[in-house]
């Protein structure tokens, strides 16, 4: 089970002494039972998976989901994956555009 920062709720690596997000000292966090994720934090896992799939199949919708995820301030992981989804959607769109341009040459 992971432990989380008591100040901001970001997931920590097991031997962390400071929070990577807010810089708070986490040495006071007990080693026994870990602190659970705050109820208000979203994981965005479903949106990330759907974003990657649609970025390949329907780039415009994948791009929209990528922008949604990239603008999430509550999850660094969702923001990172959102940027990757945008890149994948643009590359797939460009490949489709170039192949159709070559077809009608």
PDB file of N, CA and C in Angstrom:
ATOM      1  N   UNK A   1       0.845  -1.178   0.000  1.00  0.00           N
ATOM      2  CA  UNK A   1       0.000   0.000   0.000  1.00  0.00           C
ATOM      3  C   UNK A   1       0.893   1.246   0.000  1.00  0.00           C
ATOM      4  N   UNK A   2       0.590   2.192  -0.789  1.00  0.00           N
ATOM      5  CA  UNK A   2       1.387   3.408  -0.903  1.00  0.00           C
ATOM      6  C   UNK A   2       1.108   4.359   0.245  1.00  0.00           C
ATOM      7  N   UNK A   3       2.071   5.269   0.468  1.00  0.00           N
ATOM      8  CA  UNK A   3       1.815   6.311   1.451  1.00  0.00           C
ATOM      9  C   UNK A   3       1.682   7.638   0.719  1.00  0.00           C
ATOM     10  N   UNK A   4       0.986   8.557   1.337  1.00  0.00           N
ATOM     11  CA  UNK A   4       0.667   9.835   0.728  1.00  0.00           C
ATOM     12  C   UNK A   4       1.113  10.972   1.643  1.00  0.00           C
ATOM     13  N   UNK A   5       1.416  12.109   1.039  1.00  0.00           N
ATOM     14  CA  UNK A   5       1.838  13.290   1.790  1.00  0.00           C
ATOM     15  C   UNK A   5       0.696  13.761   2.694  1.00  0.00           C
ATOM     16  N   UNK A   6       0.965  13.993   3.966  1.00  0.00           N
ATOM     17  CA  UNK A   6      -0.092  14.457   4.861  1.00  0.00           C
ATOM     18  C   UNK A   6      -0.514  15.895   4.570  1.00  0.00           C
ATOM     19  N   UNK A   7       0.330  16.667   3.870  1.00  0.00           N
ATOM     20  CA  UNK A   7      -0.001  18.071   3.588  1.00  0.00           C
ATOM     21  C   UNK A   7      -0.835  18.234   2.324  1.00  0.00           C
ATOM     22  N   UNK A   8      -0.429  17.534   1.226  1.00  0.00           N
ATOM     23  CA  UNK A   8      -1.129  17.767  -0.047  1.00  0.00           C
ATOM     24  C   UNK A   8      -1.769  16.521  -0.626  1.00  0.00           C
ATOM     25  N   UNK A   9      -1.444  15.333  -0.113  1.00  0.00           N
ATOM     26  CA  UNK A   9      -2.088  14.108  -0.561  1.00  0.00           C
ATOM     27  C   UNK A   9      -1.458  13.431  -1.763  1.00  0.00           C
ATOM     28  N   UNK A  10      -0.316  13.913  -2.259  1.00  0.00           N
ATOM     29  CA  UNK A  10       0.347  13.304  -3.407  1.00  0.00           C
ATOM     30  C   UNK A  10       0.986  11.990  -2.981  1.00  0.00           C
ATOM     31  N   UNK A  11       0.933  10.983  -3.858  1.00  0.00           N
ATOM     32  CA  UNK A  11       1.533   9.694  -3.549  1.00  0.00           C
ATOM     33  C   UNK A  11       3.052   9.834  -3.460  1.00  0.00           C
ATOM     34  N   UNK A  12       3.638   9.189  -2.452  1.00  0.00           N
ATOM     35  CA  UNK A  12       5.073   9.274  -2.204  1.00  0.00           C
ATOM     36  C   UNK A  12       5.748   7.940  -2.474  1.00  0.00           C
ATOM     37  N   UNK A  13       7.036   7.987  -2.805  1.00  0.00           N
ATOM     38  CA  UNK A  13       7.797   6.746  -2.863  1.00  0.00           C
ATOM     39  C   UNK A  13       8.062   6.300  -1.424  1.00  0.00           C
ATOM     40  N   UNK A  14       8.349   5.036  -1.235  1.00  0.00           N
ATOM     41  CA  UNK A  14       8.417   4.471   0.117  1.00  0.00           C
ATOM     42  C   UNK A  14       9.441   5.139   1.022  1.00  0.00           C
ATOM     43  N   UNK A  15      10.618   5.489   0.503  1.00  0.00           N
ATOM     44  CA  UNK A  15      11.655   6.046   1.374  1.00  0.00           C
ATOM     45  C   UNK A  15      11.812   7.562   1.233  1.00  0.00           C
ATOM     46  N   UNK A  16      10.777   8.261   0.794  1.00  0.00           N
ATOM     47  CA  UNK A  16      10.829   9.714   0.614  1.00  0.00           C
ATOM     48  C   UNK A  16      10.933  10.425   1.959  1.00  0.00           C
ATOM     49  N   UNK A  17      11.753  11.478   1.993  1.00  0.00           N
ATOM     50  CA  UNK A  17      11.868  12.300   3.192  1.00  0.00           C
ATOM     51  C   UNK A  17      11.122  13.615   3.031  1.00  0.00           C
ATOM     52  N   UNK A  18      10.924  14.009   1.763  1.00  0.00           N
ATOM     53  CA  UNK A  18      10.189  15.235   1.449  1.00  0.00           C
ATOM     54  C   UNK A  18       9.197  14.942   0.334  1.00  0.00           C
ATOM     55  N   UNK A  19       8.107  15.679   0.320  1.00  0.00           N
ATOM     56  CA  UNK A  19       7.096  15.534  -0.721  1.00  0.00           C
ATOM     57  C   UNK A  19       7.614  16.141  -2.017  1.00  0.00           C
ATOM     58  N   UNK A  20       7.448  15.413  -3.134  1.00  0.00           N
ATOM     59  CA  UNK A  20       7.900  15.924  -4.429  1.00  0.00           C
ATOM     60  C   UNK A  20       7.006  17.047  -4.949  1.00  0.00           C
ATOM     61  N   UNK A  21       5.808  17.180  -4.403  1.00  0.00           N
ATOM     62  CA  UNK A  21       4.863  18.190  -4.869  1.00  0.00           C
ATOM     63  C   UNK A  21       4.946  19.482  -4.064  1.00  0.00           C
ATOM     64  N   UNK A  22       4.844  19.380  -2.739  1.00  0.00           N
ATOM     65  CA  UNK A  22       4.781  20.595  -1.920  1.00  0.00           C
ATOM     66  C   UNK A  22       6.040  20.833  -1.087  1.00  0.00           C
ATOM     67  N   UNK A  23       6.955  19.861  -1.030  1.00  0.00           N
ATOM     68  CA  UNK A  23       8.201  20.035  -0.302  1.00  0.00           C
ATOM     69  C   UNK A  23       8.098  19.807   1.196  1.00  0.00           C
ATOM     70  N   UNK A  24       6.942  19.412   1.694  1.00  0.00           N
ATOM     71  CA  UNK A  24       6.770  19.172   3.125  1.00  0.00           C
ATOM     72  C   UNK A  24       7.608  17.982   3.566  1.00  0.00           C
ATOM     73  N   UNK A  25       8.110  18.049   4.776  1.00  0.00           N
ATOM     74  CA  UNK A  25       8.832  16.934   5.352  1.00  0.00           C
ATOM     75  C   UNK A  25       7.837  15.826   5.649  1.00  0.00           C
ATOM     76  N   UNK A  26       8.156  14.637   5.208  1.00  0.00           N
ATOM     77  CA  UNK A  26       7.258  13.509   5.443  1.00  0.00           C
ATOM     78  C   UNK A  26       7.895  12.504   6.399  1.00  0.00           C
ATOM     79  N   UNK A  27       8.974  12.907   7.053  1.00  0.00           N
ATOM     80  CA  UNK A  27       9.623  12.000   7.995  1.00  0.00           C
ATOM     81  C   UNK A  27       8.733  11.711   9.199  1.00  0.00           C
ATOM     82  N   UNK A  28       7.775  12.593   9.458  1.00  0.00           N
ATOM     83  CA  UNK A  28       6.863  12.393  10.585  1.00  0.00           C
ATOM     84  C   UNK A  28       5.733  11.429  10.241  1.00  0.00           C
ATOM     85  N   UNK A  29       5.637  11.018   8.964  1.00  0.00           N
ATOM     86  CA  UNK A  29       4.588  10.081   8.570  1.00  0.00           C
ATOM     87  C   UNK A  29       4.914   8.721   9.173  1.00  0.00           C
ATOM     88  N   UNK A  30       3.982   8.126   9.882  1.00  0.00           N
ATOM     89  CA  UNK A  30       4.269   6.844  10.526  1.00  0.00           C
ATOM     90  C   UNK A  30       4.568   5.751   9.501  1.00  0.00           C
ATOM     91  N   UNK A  31       5.460   4.832   9.852  1.00  0.00           N
ATOM     92  CA  UNK A  31       5.834   3.737   8.961  1.00  0.00           C
ATOM     93  C   UNK A  31       4.820   2.599   8.999  1.00  0.00           C
ATOM     94  N   UNK A  32       3.973   2.567   9.981  1.00  0.00           N
ATOM     95  CA  UNK A  32       2.984   1.501  10.126  1.00  0.00           C
ATOM     96  C   UNK A  32       1.908   1.645   9.062  1.00  0.00           C
ATOM     97  N   UNK A  33       0.678   1.842   9.468  1.00  0.00           N
ATOM     98  CA  UNK A  33      -0.405   2.022   8.498  1.00  0.00           C
ATOM     99  C   UNK A  33      -0.174   3.284   7.673  1.00  0.00           C
ATOM    100  N   UNK A  34      -0.432   3.182   6.394  1.00  0.00           N
ATOM    101  CA  UNK A  34      -0.187   4.321   5.517  1.00  0.00           C
ATOM    102  C   UNK A  34      -1.397   5.233   5.463  1.00  0.00           C
ATOM    103  N   UNK A  35      -1.164   6.454   5.054  1.00  0.00           N
ATOM    104  CA  UNK A  35      -2.236   7.439   4.924  1.00  0.00           C
ATOM    105  C   UNK A  35      -2.931   7.206   3.588  1.00  0.00           C
ATOM    106  N   UNK A  36      -4.230   7.098   3.625  1.00  0.00           N
ATOM    107  CA  UNK A  36      -5.001   6.860   2.408  1.00  0.00           C
ATOM    108  C   UNK A  36      -5.094   8.113   1.557  1.00  0.00           C
ATOM    109  N   UNK A  37      -5.366   7.926   0.273  1.00  0.00           N
ATOM    110  CA  UNK A  37      -5.550   9.030  -0.667  1.00  0.00           C
ATOM    111  C   UNK A  37      -6.761   9.846  -0.250  1.00  0.00           C
ATOM    112  N   UNK A  38      -6.650  11.188  -0.282  1.00  0.00           N
ATOM    113  CA  UNK A  38      -7.797  12.029   0.062  1.00  0.00           C
ATOM    114  C   UNK A  38      -8.989  11.751  -0.857  1.00  0.00           C
ATOM    115  N   UNK A  39     -10.176  11.890  -0.312  1.00  0.00           N
ATOM    116  CA  UNK A  39     -11.386  11.576  -1.068  1.00  0.00           C
ATOM    117  C   UNK A  39     -11.573  12.461  -2.288  1.00  0.00           C
ATOM    118  N   UNK A  40     -11.082  13.695  -2.270  1.00  0.00           N
ATOM    119  CA  UNK A  40     -11.301  14.614  -3.384  1.00  0.00           C
ATOM    120  C   UNK A  40     -10.355  14.437  -4.549  1.00  0.00           C
ATOM    121  N   UNK A  41      -9.313  13.612  -4.418  1.00  0.00           N
ATOM    122  CA  UNK A  41      -8.334  13.480  -5.500  1.00  0.00           C
ATOM    123  C   UNK A  41      -8.810  12.467  -6.528  1.00  0.00           C
ATOM    124  N   UNK A  42      -8.744  12.847  -7.799  1.00  0.00           N
ATOM    125  CA  UNK A  42      -9.179  11.986  -8.888  1.00  0.00           C
ATOM    126  C   UNK A  42      -7.984  11.299  -9.515  1.00  0.00           C
ATOM    127  N   UNK A  43      -8.163  10.071  -9.983  1.00  0.00           N
ATOM    128  CA  UNK A  43      -7.059   9.359 -10.611  1.00  0.00           C
ATOM    129  C   UNK A  43      -7.082   9.513 -12.131  1.00  0.00           C
ATOM    130  N   UNK A  44      -8.211   9.774 -12.723  1.00  0.00           N
ATOM    131  CA  UNK A  44      -8.360   9.989 -14.166  1.00  0.00           C
ATOM    132  C   UNK A  44      -7.909   8.786 -15.001  1.00  0.00           C
ATOM    133  N   UNK A  45      -7.850   7.603 -14.416  1.00  0.00           N
ATOM    134  CA  UNK A  45      -7.356   6.431 -15.125  1.00  0.00           C
ATOM    135  C   UNK A  45      -8.203   6.097 -16.346  1.00  0.00           C
ATOM    136  N   UNK A  46      -9.504   6.123 -16.216  1.00  0.00           N
ATOM    137  CA  UNK A  46     -10.380   5.795 -17.345  1.00  0.00           C
ATOM    138  C   UNK A  46     -10.205   6.807 -18.477  1.00  0.00           C
ATOM    139  N   UNK A  47     -10.115   8.084 -18.143  1.00  0.00           N
ATOM    140  CA  UNK A  47      -9.938   9.104 -19.173  1.00  0.00           C
ATOM    141  C   UNK A  47      -8.600   8.945 -19.884  1.00  0.00           C
ATOM    142  N   UNK A  48      -7.562   8.524 -19.165  1.00  0.00           N
ATOM    143  CA  UNK A  48      -6.254   8.320 -19.785  1.00  0.00           C
ATOM    144  C   UNK A  48      -6.320   7.171 -20.793  1.00  0.00           C
ATOM    145  N   UNK A  49      -6.896   6.042 -20.393  1.00  0.00           N
ATOM    146  CA  UNK A  49      -6.995   4.883 -21.287  1.00  0.00           C
ATOM    147  C   UNK A  49      -7.849   5.214 -22.510  1.00  0.00           C
ATOM    148  N   UNK A  50      -9.005   5.817 -22.294  1.00  0.00           N
ATOM    149  CA  UNK A  50      -9.883   6.189 -23.401  1.00  0.00           C
ATOM    150  C   UNK A  50      -9.197   7.211 -24.309  1.00  0.00           C
ATOM    151  N   UNK A  51      -8.454   8.133 -23.723  1.00  0.00           N
ATOM    152  CA  UNK A  51      -7.744   9.133 -24.516  1.00  0.00           C
ATOM    153  C   UNK A  51      -6.745   8.515 -25.464  1.00  0.00           C
ATOM    154  N   UNK A  52      -5.954   7.547 -24.985  1.00  0.00           N
ATOM    155  CA  UNK A  52      -4.979   6.884 -25.856  1.00  0.00           C
ATOM    156  C   UNK A  52      -5.671   6.118 -26.985  1.00  0.00           C
ATOM    157  N   UNK A  53      -6.734   5.407 -26.645  1.00  0.00           N
ATOM    158  CA  UNK A  53      -7.446   4.632 -27.668  1.00  0.00           C
ATOM    159  C   UNK A  53      -8.028   5.556 -28.733  1.00  0.00           C
ATOM    160  N   UNK A  54      -8.694   6.623 -28.305  1.00  0.00           N
ATOM    161  CA  UNK A  54      -9.316   7.524 -29.269  1.00  0.00           C
ATOM    162  C   UNK A  54      -8.296   8.378 -30.007  1.00  0.00           C
ATOM    163  N   UNK A  55      -7.137   8.615 -29.424  1.00  0.00           N
ATOM    164  CA  UNK A  55      -6.098   9.369 -30.126  1.00  0.00           C
ATOM    165  C   UNK A  55      -5.660   8.610 -31.372  1.00  0.00           C
ATOM    166  N   UNK A  56      -5.707   7.276 -31.302  1.00  0.00           N
ATOM    167  CA  UNK A  56      -5.326   6.458 -32.449  1.00  0.00           C
ATOM    168  C   UNK A  56      -6.506   6.266 -33.401  1.00  0.00           C
ATOM    169  N   UNK A  57      -7.693   5.993 -32.855  1.00  0.00           N
ATOM    170  CA  UNK A  57      -8.841   5.693 -33.700  1.00  0.00           C
ATOM    171  C   UNK A  57      -9.537   6.940 -34.256  1.00  0.00           C
ATOM    172  N   UNK A  58      -9.769   7.925 -33.414  1.00  0.00           N
ATOM    173  CA  UNK A  58     -10.458   9.157 -33.805  1.00  0.00           C
ATOM    174  C   UNK A  58      -9.652  10.322 -33.226  1.00  0.00           C
ATOM    175  N   UNK A  59      -8.650  10.793 -33.966  1.00  0.00           N
ATOM    176  CA  UNK A  59      -7.716  11.780 -33.406  1.00  0.00           C
ATOM    177  C   UNK A  59      -8.370  13.047 -32.841  1.00  0.00           C
ATOM    178  N   UNK A  60      -9.450  13.536 -33.435  1.00  0.00           N
ATOM    179  CA  UNK A  60     -10.070  14.765 -32.940  1.00  0.00           C
ATOM    180  C   UNK A  60     -10.607  14.580 -31.527  1.00  0.00           C
ATOM    181  N   UNK A  61     -11.287  13.473 -31.276  1.00  0.00           N
ATOM    182  CA  UNK A  61     -11.819  13.218 -29.939  1.00  0.00           C
ATOM    183  C   UNK A  61     -10.673  12.932 -28.965  1.00  0.00           C
ATOM    184  N   UNK A  62      -9.652  12.198 -29.434  1.00  0.00           N
ATOM    185  CA  UNK A  62      -8.475  11.965 -28.613  1.00  0.00           C
ATOM    186  C   UNK A  62      -7.792  13.268 -28.239  1.00  0.00           C
ATOM    187  N   UNK A  63      -7.751  14.201 -29.179  1.00  0.00           N
ATOM    188  CA  UNK A  63      -7.157  15.513 -28.919  1.00  0.00           C
ATOM    189  C   UNK A  63      -7.943  16.260 -27.843  1.00  0.00           C
ATOM    190  N   UNK A  64      -9.251  16.206 -27.908  1.00  0.00           N
ATOM    191  CA  UNK A  64     -10.098  16.875 -26.918  1.00  0.00           C
ATOM    192  C   UNK A  64      -9.869  16.274 -25.525  1.00  0.00           C
ATOM    193  N   UNK A  65      -9.826  14.940 -25.442  1.00  0.00           N
ATOM    194  CA  UNK A  65      -9.579  14.294 -24.152  1.00  0.00           C
ATOM    195  C   UNK A  65      -8.169  14.621 -23.666  1.00  0.00           C
ATOM    196  N   UNK A  66      -7.206  14.659 -24.586  1.00  0.00           N
ATOM    197  CA  UNK A  66      -5.834  15.019 -24.210  1.00  0.00           C
ATOM    198  C   UNK A  66      -5.753  16.417 -23.631  1.00  0.00           C
ATOM    199  N   UNK A  67      -6.465  17.360 -24.228  1.00  0.00           N
ATOM    200  CA  UNK A  67      -6.476  18.727 -23.704  1.00  0.00           C
ATOM    201  C   UNK A  67      -7.117  18.767 -22.326  1.00  0.00           C
ATOM    202  N   UNK A  68      -8.206  18.022 -22.158  1.00  0.00           N
ATOM    203  CA  UNK A  68      -8.858  17.946 -20.846  1.00  0.00           C
ATOM    204  C   UNK A  68      -7.868  17.444 -19.787  1.00  0.00           C
ATOM    205  N   UNK A  69      -7.172  16.351 -20.097  1.00  0.00           N
ATOM    206  CA  UNK A  69      -6.242  15.780 -19.123  1.00  0.00           C
ATOM    207  C   UNK A  69      -5.032  16.676 -18.891  1.00  0.00           C
ATOM    208  N   UNK A  70      -4.534  17.308 -19.944  1.00  0.00           N
ATOM    209  CA  UNK A  70      -3.340  18.157 -19.811  1.00  0.00           C
ATOM    210  C   UNK A  70      -3.603  19.365 -18.912  1.00  0.00           C
ATOM    211  N   UNK A  71      -4.843  19.783 -18.805  1.00  0.00           N
ATOM    212  CA  UNK A  71      -5.169  20.958 -17.988  1.00  0.00           C
ATOM    213  C   UNK A  71      -5.538  20.604 -16.545  1.00  0.00           C
ATOM    214  N   UNK A  72      -5.455  19.307 -16.178  1.00  0.00           N
ATOM    215  CA  UNK A  72      -5.777  18.900 -14.810  1.00  0.00           C
ATOM    216  C   UNK A  72      -4.659  19.344 -13.881  1.00  0.00           C
ATOM    217  N   UNK A  73      -4.998  20.138 -12.892  1.00  0.00           N
ATOM    218  CA  UNK A  73      -4.039  20.606 -11.898  1.00  0.00           C
ATOM    219  C   UNK A  73      -3.978  19.668 -10.695  1.00  0.00           C
ATOM    220  N   UNK A  74      -4.986  18.800 -10.545  1.00  0.00           N
ATOM    221  CA  UNK A  74      -5.057  17.933  -9.373  1.00  0.00           C
ATOM    222  C   UNK A  74      -4.294  16.627  -9.540  1.00  0.00           C
ATOM    223  N   UNK A  75      -3.762  16.352 -10.730  1.00  0.00           N
ATOM    224  CA  UNK A  75      -3.052  15.104 -10.956  1.00  0.00           C
ATOM    225  C   UNK A  75      -1.917  15.319 -11.952  1.00  0.00           C
ATOM    226  N   UNK A  76      -0.684  15.175 -11.473  1.00  0.00           N
ATOM    227  CA  UNK A  76       0.461  15.334 -12.361  1.00  0.00           C
ATOM    228  C   UNK A  76       0.495  14.229 -13.404  1.00  0.00           C
ATOM    229  N   UNK A  77       0.077  13.044 -13.033  1.00  0.00           N
ATOM    230  CA  UNK A  77       0.062  11.923 -13.962  1.00  0.00           C
ATOM    231  C   UNK A  77      -0.921  12.178 -15.111  1.00  0.00           C
ATOM    232  N   UNK A  78      -2.112  12.657 -14.785  1.00  0.00           N
ATOM    233  CA  UNK A  78      -3.106  12.944 -15.817  1.00  0.00           C
ATOM    234  C   UNK A  78      -2.607  14.045 -16.747  1.00  0.00           C
ATOM    235  N   UNK A  79      -1.969  15.039 -16.201  1.00  0.00           N
ATOM    236  CA  UNK A  79      -1.434  16.129 -17.013  1.00  0.00           C
ATOM    237  C   UNK A  79      -0.360  15.618 -17.967  1.00  0.00           C
ATOM    238  N   UNK A  80       0.532  14.767 -17.465  1.00  0.00           N
ATOM    239  CA  UNK A  80       1.602  14.200 -18.294  1.00  0.00           C
ATOM    240  C   UNK A  80       1.017  13.350 -19.413  1.00  0.00           C
ATOM    241  N   UNK A  81       0.074  12.461 -19.086  1.00  0.00           N
ATOM    242  CA  UNK A  81      -0.529  11.607 -20.094  1.00  0.00           C
ATOM    243  C   UNK A  81      -1.359  12.412 -21.088  1.00  0.00           C
ATOM    244  N   UNK A  82      -1.987  13.484 -20.628  1.00  0.00           N
ATOM    245  CA  UNK A  82      -2.732  14.348 -21.536  1.00  0.00           C
ATOM    246  C   UNK A  82      -1.839  14.921 -22.617  1.00  0.00           C
ATOM    247  N   UNK A  83      -0.644  15.342 -22.247  1.00  0.00           N
ATOM    248  CA  UNK A  83       0.309  15.870 -23.228  1.00  0.00           C
ATOM    249  C   UNK A  83       0.721  14.790 -24.221  1.00  0.00           C
ATOM    250  N   UNK A  84       0.944  13.558 -23.731  1.00  0.00           N
ATOM    251  CA  UNK A  84       1.300  12.464 -24.624  1.00  0.00           C
ATOM    252  C   UNK A  84       0.156  12.127 -25.577  1.00  0.00           C
ATOM    253  N   UNK A  85      -1.072  12.158 -25.069  1.00  0.00           N
ATOM    254  CA  UNK A  85      -2.234  11.866 -25.913  1.00  0.00           C
ATOM    255  C   UNK A  85      -2.363  12.918 -27.016  1.00  0.00           C
ATOM    256  N   UNK A  86      -2.125  14.177 -26.691  1.00  0.00           N
ATOM    257  CA  UNK A  86      -2.162  15.237 -27.704  1.00  0.00           C
ATOM    258  C   UNK A  86      -1.132  14.954 -28.788  1.00  0.00           C
ATOM    259  N   UNK A  87       0.072  14.566 -28.397  1.00  0.00           N
ATOM    260  CA  UNK A  87       1.125  14.276 -29.374  1.00  0.00           C
ATOM    261  C   UNK A  87       0.726  13.108 -30.268  1.00  0.00           C
ATOM    262  N   UNK A  88       0.198  12.039 -29.681  1.00  0.00           N
ATOM    263  CA  UNK A  88      -0.225  10.877 -30.464  1.00  0.00           C
ATOM    264  C   UNK A  88      -1.342  11.261 -31.433  1.00  0.00           C
ATOM    265  N   UNK A  89      -2.321  12.015 -30.969  1.00  0.00           N
ATOM    266  CA  UNK A  89      -3.442  12.415 -31.828  1.00  0.00           C
ATOM    267  C   UNK A  89      -2.964  13.264 -33.001  1.00  0.00           C
ATOM    268  N   UNK A  90      -2.044  14.182 -32.752  1.00  0.00           N
ATOM    269  CA  UNK A  90      -1.535  15.036 -33.824  1.00  0.00           C
ATOM    270  C   UNK A  90      -0.738  14.213 -34.834  1.00  0.00           C
ATOM    271  N   UNK A  91       0.069  13.279 -34.353  1.00  0.00           N
ATOM    272  CA  UNK A  91       0.842  12.431 -35.267  1.00  0.00           C
ATOM    273  C   UNK A  91      -0.078  11.575 -36.125  1.00  0.00           C
ATOM    274  N   UNK A  92      -1.090  10.962 -35.518  1.00  0.00           N
ATOM    275  CA  UNK A  92      -2.043  10.139 -36.279  1.00  0.00           C
ATOM    276  C   UNK A  92      -2.806  10.998 -37.281  1.00  0.00           C
ATOM    277  N   UNK A  93      -3.232  12.190 -36.888  1.00  0.00           N
ATOM    278  CA  UNK A  93      -3.925  13.091 -37.806  1.00  0.00           C
ATOM    279  C   UNK A  93      -3.009  13.446 -38.979  1.00  0.00           C
ATOM    280  N   UNK A  94      -1.745  13.750 -38.693  1.00  0.00           N
ATOM    281  CA  UNK A  94      -0.796  14.134 -39.734  1.00  0.00           C
ATOM    282  C   UNK A  94      -0.559  12.977 -40.700  1.00  0.00           C
ATOM    283  N   UNK A  95      -0.422  11.763 -40.184  1.00  0.00           N
ATOM    284  CA  UNK A  95      -0.238  10.596 -41.049  1.00  0.00           C
ATOM    285  C   UNK A  95      -1.451  10.407 -41.947  1.00  0.00           C
ATOM    286  N   UNK A  96      -2.646  10.539 -41.385  1.00  0.00           N
ATOM    287  CA  UNK A  96      -3.863  10.422 -42.186  1.00  0.00           C
ATOM    288  C   UNK A  96      -3.962  11.508 -43.234  1.00  0.00           C
ATOM    289  N   UNK A  97      -3.605  12.722 -42.869  1.00  0.00           N
ATOM    290  CA  UNK A  97      -3.648  13.841 -43.807  1.00  0.00           C
ATOM    291  C   UNK A  97      -2.660  13.621 -44.953  1.00  0.00           C
ATOM    292  N   UNK A  98      -1.453  13.214 -44.621  1.00  0.00           N
ATOM    293  CA  UNK A  98      -0.437  13.006 -45.654  1.00  0.00           C
ATOM    294  C   UNK A  98      -0.790  11.835 -46.562  1.00  0.00           C
ATOM    295  N   UNK A  99      -1.351  10.772 -46.001  1.00  0.00           N
ATOM    296  CA  UNK A  99      -1.712   9.630 -46.847  1.00  0.00           C
ATOM    297  C   UNK A  99      -2.861   9.978 -47.781  1.00  0.00           C
ATOM    298  N   UNK A 100      -3.808  10.790 -47.327  1.00  0.00           N
ATOM    299  CA  UNK A 100      -4.891  11.192 -48.225  1.00  0.00           C
ATOM    300  C   UNK A 100      -4.395  12.184 -49.269  1.00  0.00           C
ATOM    301  N   UNK A 101      -3.424  13.000 -48.929  1.00  0.00           N
ATOM    302  CA  UNK A 101      -2.841  13.931 -49.904  1.00  0.00           C
ATOM    303  C   UNK A 101      -2.088  13.161 -50.973  1.00  0.00           C
ATOM    304  N   UNK A 102      -1.411  12.093 -50.601  1.00  0.00           N
ATOM    305  CA  UNK A 102      -0.686  11.274 -51.566  1.00  0.00           C
ATOM    306  C   UNK A 102      -1.651  10.511 -52.458  1.00  0.00           C
ATOM    307  N   UNK A 103      -2.792  10.119 -51.900  1.00  0.00           N
ATOM    308  CA  UNK A 103      -3.781   9.359 -52.653  1.00  0.00           C
ATOM    309  C   UNK A 103      -4.389  10.192 -53.780  1.00  0.00           C
ATOM    310  N   UNK A 104      -4.609  11.468 -53.535  1.00  0.00           N
ATOM    311  CA  UNK A 104      -5.262  12.336 -54.525  1.00  0.00           C
ATOM    312  C   UNK A 104      -4.273  13.160 -55.319  1.00  0.00           C
ATOM    313  N   UNK A 105      -3.061  12.770 -55.380  1.00  0.00           N
ATOM    314  CA  UNK A 105      -2.047  13.475 -56.153  1.00  0.00           C
ATOM    315  C   UNK A 105      -2.182  13.275 -57.616  1.00  0.00           C
TER     316      UNK A 105
END
